[in-house]
């Protein structure tokens, strides 16, 4: 009941509030409307079919080299990842605690 009385008193007072906020600065183009019929310019050159073919050929060459070595990409990096996994935890703890790396 007390809150109902408080709401009844405060509701009319909310209309007395005065907000003199300055308008947000921005573009002033009054009376101008955007022309949606004009095609926008692209920000960068489009990726052409020739570039796609060139990149595809480069990736195929890399794949052939890795396959010729007899190792799949994840096997070729296995030793490095195992070493990183074994040492990363301790290095991270030392870095967090501010201890010099050993």
C-alpha atoms as a PDB file:
ATOM      1  CA  UNK A   1       0.000   0.000   0.000  1.00  0.00           C
ATOM      2  CA  UNK A   2       2.869   2.301   0.823  1.00  0.00           C
ATOM      3  CA  UNK A   3       4.411   1.784  -2.633  1.00  0.00           C
ATOM      4  CA  UNK A   4       1.121   2.553  -4.358  1.00  0.00           C
ATOM      5  CA  UNK A   5       0.954   5.901  -2.557  1.00  0.00           C
ATOM      6  CA  UNK A   6       4.576   6.628  -3.470  1.00  0.00           C
ATOM      7  CA  UNK A   7       3.936   5.811  -7.132  1.00  0.00           C
ATOM      8  CA  UNK A   8       0.850   8.037  -7.141  1.00  0.00           C
ATOM      9  CA  UNK A   9       2.876  10.975  -5.782  1.00  0.00           C
ATOM     10  CA  UNK A  10       5.928  10.498  -7.993  1.00  0.00           C
ATOM     11  CA  UNK A  11       4.094   9.918 -11.283  1.00  0.00           C
ATOM     12  CA  UNK A  12       2.909  13.545 -11.696  1.00  0.00           C
ATOM     13  CA  UNK A  13       6.304  14.849 -10.601  1.00  0.00           C
ATOM     14  CA  UNK A  14       8.012  12.991 -13.433  1.00  0.00           C
ATOM     15  CA  UNK A  15       6.338  15.376 -15.857  1.00  0.00           C
ATOM     16  CA  UNK A  16       8.087  18.295 -14.150  1.00  0.00           C
ATOM     17  CA  UNK A  17      11.542  17.030 -14.997  1.00  0.00           C
ATOM     18  CA  UNK A  18      13.502  19.232 -17.367  1.00  0.00           C
ATOM     19  CA  UNK A  19      16.057  17.658 -19.670  1.00  0.00           C
ATOM     20  CA  UNK A  20      18.199  20.166 -21.545  1.00  0.00           C
ATOM     21  CA  UNK A  21      20.317  17.703 -23.449  1.00  0.00           C
ATOM     22  CA  UNK A  22      22.329  19.026 -26.347  1.00  0.00           C
ATOM     23  CA  UNK A  23      21.632  17.252 -29.613  1.00  0.00           C
ATOM     24  CA  UNK A  24      24.167  14.630 -30.540  1.00  0.00           C
ATOM     25  CA  UNK A  25      26.527  16.009 -33.186  1.00  0.00           C
ATOM     26  CA  UNK A  26      26.307  14.162 -36.446  1.00  0.00           C
ATOM     27  CA  UNK A  27      25.737  14.513 -40.138  1.00  0.00           C
ATOM     28  CA  UNK A  28      23.494  17.389 -41.126  1.00  0.00           C
ATOM     29  CA  UNK A  29      21.948  16.556 -44.457  1.00  0.00           C
ATOM     30  CA  UNK A  30      18.477  17.906 -44.050  1.00  0.00           C
ATOM     31  CA  UNK A  31      16.337  17.479 -47.122  1.00  0.00           C
ATOM     32  CA  UNK A  32      18.718  15.017 -48.759  1.00  0.00           C
ATOM     33  CA  UNK A  33      17.789  11.390 -49.112  1.00  0.00           C
ATOM     34  CA  UNK A  34      20.200   8.617 -50.060  1.00  0.00           C
ATOM     35  CA  UNK A  35      19.929   7.399 -53.617  1.00  0.00           C
ATOM     36  CA  UNK A  36      19.615   3.653 -53.323  1.00  0.00           C
ATOM     37  CA  UNK A  37      19.794   3.222 -57.100  1.00  0.00           C
ATOM     38  CA  UNK A  38      23.513   4.009 -57.211  1.00  0.00           C
ATOM     39  CA  UNK A  39      25.618   0.903 -56.740  1.00  0.00           C
ATOM     40  CA  UNK A  40      28.164   1.392 -53.894  1.00  0.00           C
ATOM     41  CA  UNK A  41      31.856   1.137 -54.701  1.00  0.00           C
ATOM     42  CA  UNK A  42      33.647  -1.881 -53.297  1.00  0.00           C
ATOM     43  CA  UNK A  43      36.261  -1.297 -50.624  1.00  0.00           C
ATOM     44  CA  UNK A  44      38.736  -3.707 -52.198  1.00  0.00           C
ATOM     45  CA  UNK A  45      39.310  -5.464 -55.475  1.00  0.00           C
ATOM     46  CA  UNK A  46      37.200  -8.576 -55.887  1.00  0.00           C
ATOM     47  CA  UNK A  47      38.814 -12.004 -55.696  1.00  0.00           C
ATOM     48  CA  UNK A  48      39.031 -13.132 -59.311  1.00  0.00           C
ATOM     49  CA  UNK A  49      38.728 -16.638 -60.712  1.00  0.00           C
ATOM     50  CA  UNK A  50      42.377 -16.467 -61.826  1.00  0.00           C
ATOM     51  CA  UNK A  51      43.522 -15.685 -58.268  1.00  0.00           C
ATOM     52  CA  UNK A  52      41.371 -18.492 -56.908  1.00  0.00           C
ATOM     53  CA  UNK A  53      42.904 -20.934 -59.399  1.00  0.00           C
ATOM     54  CA  UNK A  54      46.409 -19.768 -58.531  1.00  0.00           C
ATOM     55  CA  UNK A  55      45.797 -20.187 -54.799  1.00  0.00           C
ATOM     56  CA  UNK A  56      44.184 -23.569 -55.347  1.00  0.00           C
ATOM     57  CA  UNK A  57      47.230 -24.716 -57.350  1.00  0.00           C
ATOM     58  CA  UNK A  58      49.582 -23.514 -54.602  1.00  0.00           C
ATOM     59  CA  UNK A  59      47.650 -25.378 -51.936  1.00  0.00           C
ATOM     60  CA  UNK A  60      47.595 -28.521 -54.058  1.00  0.00           C
ATOM     61  CA  UNK A  61      51.384 -28.297 -54.434  1.00  0.00           C
ATOM     62  CA  UNK A  62      51.818 -28.012 -50.663  1.00  0.00           C
ATOM     63  CA  UNK A  63      49.486 -30.967 -50.146  1.00  0.00           C
ATOM     64  CA  UNK A  64      51.510 -33.040 -52.625  1.00  0.00           C
ATOM     65  CA  UNK A  65      54.791 -32.202 -50.838  1.00  0.00           C
ATOM     66  CA  UNK A  66      53.374 -33.205 -47.463  1.00  0.00           C
ATOM     67  CA  UNK A  67      51.904 -36.406 -48.921  1.00  0.00           C
ATOM     68  CA  UNK A  68      55.250 -37.260 -50.577  1.00  0.00           C
ATOM     69  CA  UNK A  69      56.958 -37.045 -47.200  1.00  0.00           C
ATOM     70  CA  UNK A  70      54.628 -39.766 -45.983  1.00  0.00           C
ATOM     71  CA  UNK A  71      53.207 -37.751 -43.144  1.00  0.00           C
ATOM     72  CA  UNK A  72      49.859 -36.088 -42.762  1.00  0.00           C
ATOM     73  CA  UNK A  73      49.944 -32.465 -41.597  1.00  0.00           C
ATOM     74  CA  UNK A  74      49.008 -33.318 -38.020  1.00  0.00           C
ATOM     75  CA  UNK A  75      51.687 -36.022 -37.806  1.00  0.00           C
ATOM     76  CA  UNK A  76      54.375 -33.691 -39.126  1.00  0.00           C
ATOM     77  CA  UNK A  77      53.760 -31.282 -36.242  1.00  0.00           C
ATOM     78  CA  UNK A  78      53.201 -33.915 -33.580  1.00  0.00           C
ATOM     79  CA  UNK A  79      56.613 -33.676 -31.881  1.00  0.00           C
ATOM     80  CA  UNK A  80      56.461 -29.897 -31.689  1.00  0.00           C
ATOM     81  CA  UNK A  81      52.953 -29.996 -30.215  1.00  0.00           C
ATOM     82  CA  UNK A  82      53.881 -32.662 -27.656  1.00  0.00           C
ATOM     83  CA  UNK A  83      56.870 -30.579 -26.526  1.00  0.00           C
ATOM     84  CA  UNK A  84      54.694 -27.486 -26.303  1.00  0.00           C
ATOM     85  CA  UNK A  85      52.057 -29.378 -24.328  1.00  0.00           C
ATOM     86  CA  UNK A  86      54.620 -30.670 -21.845  1.00  0.00           C
ATOM     87  CA  UNK A  87      56.212 -27.286 -21.164  1.00  0.00           C
ATOM     88  CA  UNK A  88      53.368 -24.815 -21.660  1.00  0.00           C
ATOM     89  CA  UNK A  89      51.649 -25.309 -18.310  1.00  0.00           C
ATOM     90  CA  UNK A  90      54.756 -24.716 -16.218  1.00  0.00           C
ATOM     91  CA  UNK A  91      55.834 -21.728 -18.330  1.00  0.00           C
ATOM     92  CA  UNK A  92      52.382 -20.157 -17.976  1.00  0.00           C
ATOM     93  CA  UNK A  93      52.399 -20.589 -14.193  1.00  0.00           C
ATOM     94  CA  UNK A  94      55.867 -19.040 -13.924  1.00  0.00           C
ATOM     95  CA  UNK A  95      54.787 -16.108 -16.094  1.00  0.00           C
ATOM     96  CA  UNK A  96      51.651 -15.516 -14.009  1.00  0.00           C
ATOM     97  CA  UNK A  97      53.583 -15.679 -10.737  1.00  0.00           C
ATOM     98  CA  UNK A  98      56.281 -13.371 -12.090  1.00  0.00           C
ATOM     99  CA  UNK A  99      59.075 -15.880 -11.718  1.00  0.00           C
ATOM    100  CA  UNK A 100      61.907 -15.871 -14.247  1.00  0.00           C
ATOM    101  CA  UNK A 101      61.678 -18.594 -16.891  1.00  0.00           C
ATOM    102  CA  UNK A 102      64.044 -21.495 -16.397  1.00  0.00           C
END
